[in-house]
Amino acid sequence: MKIMVIGATGIIGGAVARSLGERHEVLSVSRSGPLRADIGEPESVDALFDEVGHVDAVVCCAASGAMSPLDTPTDDRYWTGLDAKLIGQVNLVRRAVQRVRDGGSITLTSGRFTEPVSGSSLGFLINAGLEAFVHSAALEMPRGLRLNVVSPGWVRETLQLLGMDPADGTPAAAVAAVYVDAVEGDVHGRTLPVPGR
């Protein structure tokens, strides 16, 4: 299969690209690599698809967003991450539907908190909205296309990078395995949790 992995330079995206690359042709997309796109900017996604043409699957691991306390001083700062993580992925699906071959798949990324913490309300809103979108939009997928969303929690390598205890994280390779199953399997319209450590 020819598979586009967006966010392929990140910890999760890199692991997904490596795992899928063992059996498939992977087009690695990032904001700064040879294949470039910013899912928060629809015109850059259009340009990407114009460049690569049709693919068998699209995997988006580029969804990131900062914690945003309710009393953040400006609207722009509070809503950081909304356009990329929620609206950007919705717009990606709307474009990918026209460029993914019959029977292919689109896999998005939400996230998971074990419990609410200060600053997580926007993250909860975005993740719940994205998962509700996938469950509903799956009914509208044409030509046998499948749509799913992976919901990872903390990743071990991310915790290490942040100087936190990595014991509470799932290894990136184990997270990537969930994305690979979504692409190679037959699941459709589902939120796919990443098993805990």
Protein backbone atom coordinates (compact mmCIF):
# COMPACT_ATOMS: atom_id res chain seq x y z
CA MET A 1 0.00 0.00 0.00
CA LYS A 2 0.96 3.62 -0.48
CA ILE A 3 0.38 5.31 2.88
CA MET A 4 0.70 8.97 3.80
CA VAL A 5 1.79 9.57 7.42
CA ILE A 6 1.32 13.18 8.50
CA GLY A 7 3.43 14.23 11.47
CA ALA A 8 6.09 11.65 10.64
CA THR A 9 8.88 13.54 12.43
CA GLY A 10 7.13 13.37 15.81
CA ILE A 11 7.59 10.61 18.36
CA ILE A 12 4.35 8.79 17.51
CA GLY A 13 4.43 9.64 13.80
CA GLY A 14 8.01 8.45 13.44
CA ALA A 15 7.18 5.14 15.10
CA VAL A 16 4.10 4.73 12.89
CA ALA A 17 6.08 5.52 9.72
CA ARG A 18 8.80 3.01 10.66
CA SER A 19 6.31 0.26 11.49
CA LEU A 20 4.25 0.74 8.34
CA GLY A 21 7.43 1.13 6.28
CA GLU A 22 8.34 -2.50 6.98
CA ARG A 23 5.59 -3.66 4.58
CA HIS A 24 4.34 -0.60 2.71
CA GLU A 25 5.45 2.49 0.81
CA VAL A 26 5.28 5.36 3.31
CA LEU A 27 5.11 9.02 2.35
CA SER A 28 6.43 10.87 5.40
CA VAL A 29 4.86 14.32 5.78
CA SER A 30 5.88 17.05 8.22
CA ARG A 31 5.95 20.83 8.42
CA SER A 32 9.60 20.97 7.36
CA GLY A 33 10.48 17.82 5.38
CA PRO A 34 10.53 17.18 1.63
CA LEU A 35 6.77 16.51 1.76
CA ARG A 36 5.23 19.40 3.71
CA ALA A 37 1.83 20.19 5.13
CA ASP A 38 0.28 21.95 8.09
CA ILE A 39 -3.16 20.46 8.75
CA GLY A 40 -4.20 23.75 10.34
CA GLU A 41 -3.90 25.34 6.88
CA PRO A 42 -6.30 23.70 4.38
CA GLU A 43 -4.47 25.10 1.36
CA SER A 44 -1.28 23.28 2.38
CA VAL A 45 -3.20 20.00 2.61
CA ASP A 46 -4.67 20.63 -0.86
CA ALA A 47 -1.15 21.26 -2.20
CA LEU A 48 0.11 18.06 -0.57
CA PHE A 49 -2.56 15.91 -2.21
CA ASP A 50 -1.93 17.65 -5.53
CA GLU A 51 1.73 16.68 -5.20
CA VAL A 52 1.33 13.03 -4.14
CA GLY A 53 -1.91 12.08 -5.89
CA HIS A 54 -3.99 9.13 -4.73
CA VAL A 55 -2.97 6.96 -1.78
CA ASP A 56 -4.31 3.83 -0.11
CA ALA A 57 -4.34 5.27 3.40
CA VAL A 58 -3.81 8.48 5.33
CA VAL A 59 -2.62 8.48 8.94
CA CYS A 60 -2.55 11.75 10.88
CA CYS A 61 -0.24 11.85 13.90
CA ALA A 62 0.28 15.61 13.70
CA ALA A 63 -2.44 16.48 16.17
CA SER A 64 -0.93 18.37 19.07
CA GLY A 65 -2.22 21.01 21.40
CA ALA A 66 -1.06 22.81 24.50
CA MET A 67 -2.79 22.72 27.86
CA SER A 68 -4.97 25.83 28.08
CA PRO A 69 -6.26 27.05 31.45
CA LEU A 70 -9.72 28.66 31.33
CA ASP A 71 -8.32 31.99 32.48
CA THR A 72 -5.77 32.19 29.65
CA PRO A 73 -5.53 35.93 28.94
CA THR A 74 -6.54 35.94 25.26
CA ASP A 75 -8.87 33.92 23.06
CA ASP A 76 -6.04 33.19 20.63
CA ARG A 77 -3.90 31.67 23.36
CA TYR A 78 -6.79 29.70 24.86
CA TRP A 79 -7.80 28.15 21.55
CA THR A 80 -4.25 27.08 20.63
CA GLY A 81 -4.51 23.59 19.17
CA LEU A 82 -8.19 23.77 18.24
CA ASP A 83 -7.59 24.52 14.57
CA ALA A 84 -4.89 21.87 14.15
CA LYS A 85 -6.18 19.07 16.33
CA LEU A 86 -9.93 19.26 15.74
CA ILE A 87 -10.76 21.44 12.75
CA GLY A 88 -7.53 20.55 10.94
CA GLN A 89 -8.20 16.82 11.15
CA VAL A 90 -11.84 17.27 10.12
CA ASN A 91 -10.70 19.24 7.07
CA LEU A 92 -8.08 16.57 6.36
CA VAL A 93 -10.80 13.92 6.24
CA ARG A 94 -12.92 16.04 3.91
CA ARG A 95 -10.00 16.27 1.49
CA ALA A 96 -8.69 12.73 1.93
CA VAL A 97 -12.07 11.24 1.01
CA GLN A 98 -11.42 12.43 -2.54
CA ARG A 99 -7.83 11.12 -2.67
CA VAL A 100 -7.88 7.76 -0.87
CA ARG A 101 -8.45 4.78 -3.15
CA ASP A 102 -11.51 2.52 -2.84
CA GLY A 103 -11.40 0.40 0.32
CA GLY A 104 -8.65 2.52 1.87
CA SER A 105 -8.51 4.08 5.31
CA ILE A 106 -8.09 7.35 7.17
CA THR A 107 -6.79 7.24 10.74
CA LEU A 108 -6.77 10.29 13.01
CA THR A 109 -5.38 11.03 16.48
CA SER A 110 -7.28 12.20 19.55
CA GLY A 111 -5.87 11.69 23.03
CA ARG A 112 -6.64 10.43 26.48
CA PHE A 113 -6.37 11.86 29.97
CA THR A 114 -6.63 9.45 32.88
CA GLU A 115 -8.47 12.15 34.82
CA PRO A 116 -9.16 15.88 34.51
CA VAL A 117 -6.32 18.16 35.54
CA SER A 118 -6.03 21.91 35.54
CA GLY A 119 -5.80 23.16 31.96
CA SER A 120 -7.21 20.00 30.39
CA SER A 121 -10.78 21.15 29.68
CA LEU A 122 -10.00 22.23 26.12
CA GLY A 123 -8.20 18.94 25.49
CA PHE A 124 -11.23 17.02 26.70
CA LEU A 125 -13.47 19.11 24.44
CA ILE A 126 -11.26 18.58 21.38
CA ASN A 127 -10.79 14.85 21.93
CA ALA A 128 -14.49 14.22 22.56
CA GLY A 129 -15.46 16.33 19.54
CA LEU A 130 -13.02 14.52 17.27
CA GLU A 131 -14.16 11.09 18.41
CA ALA A 132 -17.84 12.04 17.97
CA PHE A 133 -17.01 13.30 14.46
CA VAL A 134 -15.32 10.01 13.52
CA HIS A 135 -18.20 7.88 14.83
CA SER A 136 -20.72 9.92 12.85
CA ALA A 137 -18.69 10.64 9.69
CA ALA A 138 -17.92 6.92 9.35
CA LEU A 139 -21.52 6.50 8.15
CA GLU A 140 -20.79 8.87 5.25
CA MET A 141 -17.58 7.30 4.00
CA PRO A 142 -17.94 6.40 0.30
CA ARG A 143 -16.41 3.55 -1.69
CA GLY A 144 -15.70 1.31 1.29
CA LEU A 145 -13.37 3.83 2.96
CA ARG A 146 -12.76 3.28 6.66
CA LEU A 147 -12.36 6.07 9.24
CA ASN A 148 -10.99 5.60 12.76
CA VAL A 149 -9.30 7.59 15.50
CA VAL A 150 -6.51 6.39 17.80
CA SER A 151 -6.59 7.66 21.38
CA PRO A 152 -3.12 7.43 22.94
CA GLY A 153 -2.31 8.43 26.47
CA TRP A 154 1.18 9.35 27.63
CA VAL A 155 3.99 7.99 25.49
CA ARG A 156 7.13 6.79 27.28
CA GLU A 157 9.54 8.65 24.99
CA THR A 158 7.56 11.89 25.38
CA LEU A 159 7.73 11.63 29.16
CA GLN A 160 11.49 11.07 28.94
CA LEU A 161 11.84 14.13 26.70
CA LEU A 162 9.90 16.19 29.25
CA GLY A 163 12.09 14.94 32.11
CA MET A 164 9.17 13.06 33.68
CA ASP A 165 8.96 9.50 34.97
CA PRO A 166 8.66 7.32 31.83
CA ALA A 167 7.20 4.40 33.79
CA ASP A 168 3.68 5.76 33.30
CA GLY A 169 4.00 5.90 29.51
CA THR A 170 3.40 3.42 26.72
CA PRO A 171 6.37 2.80 24.39
CA ALA A 172 6.00 4.53 21.03
CA ALA A 173 6.33 1.18 19.22
CA ALA A 174 3.29 -0.16 21.12
CA VAL A 175 1.33 2.99 20.24
CA ALA A 176 2.34 2.61 16.59
CA ALA A 177 1.00 -0.95 16.56
CA VAL A 178 -2.53 0.39 17.13
CA TYR A 179 -2.23 2.65 14.08
CA VAL A 180 -0.87 -0.23 11.99
CA ASP A 181 -3.83 -2.40 13.01
CA ALA A 182 -6.19 0.43 12.02
CA VAL A 183 -4.61 0.68 8.57
CA GLU A 184 -4.20 -3.03 7.86
CA GLY A 185 -7.35 -4.30 9.60
CA ASP A 186 -11.04 -3.86 8.93
CA VAL A 187 -12.22 -1.77 11.89
CA HIS A 188 -14.38 1.23 10.98
CA GLY A 189 -15.92 4.16 12.84
CA ARG A 190 -14.13 3.41 16.10
CA THR A 191 -12.07 5.09 18.77
CA LEU A 192 -9.06 2.82 19.28
CA PRO A 193 -7.50 3.13 22.74
CA VAL A 194 -3.84 2.40 23.22
CA PRO A 195 -3.31 -0.33 25.83
CA GLY A 196 -1.64 0.92 28.99
CA ARG A 197 1.85 -0.08 29.99
